[in-house]
Amino acid sequence: DGTALAYPASIAFLAYSASLQSQLTPATWAVVAIGATLSSVGAAPVPNAGLVLLIGIFENAFPGQNIPAAIAFIQAAETIVTDRVQTAVNVMGDCSVALCVQHL
């Protein structure tokens, strides 16, 4: 799923931008992986809904830490582009599964 693949990369970007790279432990990555998987399943099909979920994952991975406003704006602008790529990956995945089911 495109969303599940993009969230960990975005969390890494946010963590390094907020100077939290020392807190990127295996336990933090586990929280990010679980949050990304659950968010990709439950994401609403509305524009930029992923940004809200991304902030939720960040807050779960780094409790008590805030995302600086400038970084949040950069992430919001970047989300506009990555949403399109995530949608393309999701559509290709759905088409592949539909093709496999058709051959059954």
Protein backbone atom coordinates (compact mmCIF):
# COMPACT_ATOMS: atom_id res chain seq x y z
CA ASP A 1 0.00 0.00 0.00
CA GLY A 2 1.38 3.38 -0.97
CA THR A 3 0.36 5.04 2.26
CA ALA A 4 2.01 2.42 4.45
CA LEU A 5 5.24 2.85 2.50
CA ALA A 6 5.27 6.65 2.57
CA TYR A 7 4.49 7.24 6.25
CA PRO A 8 7.74 5.81 7.65
CA ALA A 9 9.76 7.95 5.22
CA SER A 10 7.79 11.03 6.22
CA ILE A 11 8.26 10.25 9.92
CA ALA A 12 12.01 9.92 9.34
CA PHE A 13 12.02 13.31 7.57
CA LEU A 14 10.06 14.92 10.40
CA ALA A 15 12.28 13.35 13.07
CA TYR A 16 15.51 14.49 11.43
CA SER A 17 14.08 17.95 10.76
CA ALA A 18 13.03 18.30 14.40
CA SER A 19 16.43 16.95 15.64
CA LEU A 20 14.84 13.82 17.09
CA GLN A 21 16.98 11.32 15.21
CA SER A 22 18.50 10.05 18.47
CA GLN A 23 15.02 8.87 19.50
CA LEU A 24 14.57 6.70 16.39
CA THR A 25 14.93 3.38 18.19
CA PRO A 26 13.62 -0.02 17.07
CA ALA A 27 10.67 0.47 19.44
CA THR A 28 9.88 3.80 17.80
CA TRP A 29 10.05 2.18 14.36
CA ALA A 30 7.67 -0.53 15.58
CA VAL A 31 5.19 2.16 16.65
CA VAL A 32 5.60 3.86 13.27
CA ALA A 33 5.11 0.56 11.38
CA ILE A 34 1.96 -0.32 13.31
CA GLY A 35 0.60 3.21 12.97
CA ALA A 36 1.37 3.34 9.25
CA THR A 37 -0.31 0.00 8.63
CA LEU A 38 -3.43 0.88 10.59
CA SER A 39 -3.60 4.34 9.04
CA SER A 40 -3.31 3.00 5.52
CA VAL A 41 -6.25 0.69 6.15
CA GLY A 42 -8.43 3.35 7.76
CA ALA A 43 -7.50 6.46 5.79
CA ALA A 44 -10.46 8.45 4.54
CA PRO A 45 -10.56 9.14 0.79
CA VAL A 46 -10.41 12.91 1.17
CA PRO A 47 -7.56 15.18 0.08
CA ASN A 48 -4.79 15.58 2.65
CA ALA A 49 -6.43 13.26 5.20
CA GLY A 50 -3.07 11.53 5.35
CA LEU A 51 -1.48 14.62 6.84
CA VAL A 52 -3.72 14.35 9.90
CA LEU A 53 -2.88 10.66 10.25
CA LEU A 54 0.83 11.41 9.80
CA ILE A 55 0.75 13.89 12.66
CA GLY A 56 -1.04 11.30 14.78
CA ILE A 57 1.66 8.72 14.06
CA PHE A 58 4.36 11.28 14.87
CA GLU A 59 2.72 12.13 18.19
CA ASN A 60 2.50 8.42 19.09
CA ALA A 61 6.11 7.77 18.10
CA PHE A 62 7.45 10.88 19.86
CA PRO A 63 5.13 11.65 22.79
CA GLY A 64 5.38 15.21 24.06
CA GLN A 65 7.30 16.46 21.01
CA ASN A 66 5.86 19.07 18.68
CA ILE A 67 6.48 19.43 14.98
CA PRO A 68 7.95 22.89 14.26
CA ALA A 69 5.57 25.01 12.19
CA ALA A 70 7.99 25.53 9.29
CA ILE A 71 8.53 21.78 8.97
CA ALA A 72 4.78 21.16 9.13
CA PHE A 73 4.26 23.54 6.21
CA ILE A 74 6.97 21.79 4.17
CA GLN A 75 5.38 18.43 4.93
CA ALA A 76 1.94 19.76 3.94
CA ALA A 77 3.30 20.94 0.59
CA GLU A 78 5.09 17.65 0.04
CA THR A 79 1.93 15.71 0.90
CA ILE A 80 0.16 17.20 -2.10
CA VAL A 81 2.63 15.42 -4.39
CA THR A 82 3.00 12.19 -2.45
CA ASP A 83 -0.77 11.73 -2.19
CA ARG A 84 -0.87 11.35 -5.97
CA VAL A 85 1.95 8.79 -5.95
CA GLN A 86 0.32 6.85 -3.10
CA THR A 87 -2.95 6.78 -5.03
CA ALA A 88 -1.16 5.47 -8.12
CA VAL A 89 0.48 2.68 -6.09
CA ASN A 90 -2.85 1.80 -4.50
CA VAL A 91 -4.66 1.67 -7.86
CA MET A 92 -1.93 -0.52 -9.37
CA GLY A 93 -2.15 -2.86 -6.38
CA ASP A 94 -5.93 -3.05 -6.68
CA CYS A 95 -5.67 -3.74 -10.42
CA SER A 96 -3.12 -6.49 -9.82
CA VAL A 97 -5.34 -8.20 -7.25
CA ALA A 98 -8.37 -7.87 -9.54
CA LEU A 99 -6.39 -9.48 -12.37
CA CYS A 100 -5.32 -12.37 -10.13
CA VAL A 101 -8.88 -12.91 -8.90
CA GLN A 102 -10.16 -12.87 -12.48
CA HIS A 103 -7.85 -15.77 -13.37
CA LEU A 104 -9.13 -17.90 -10.49
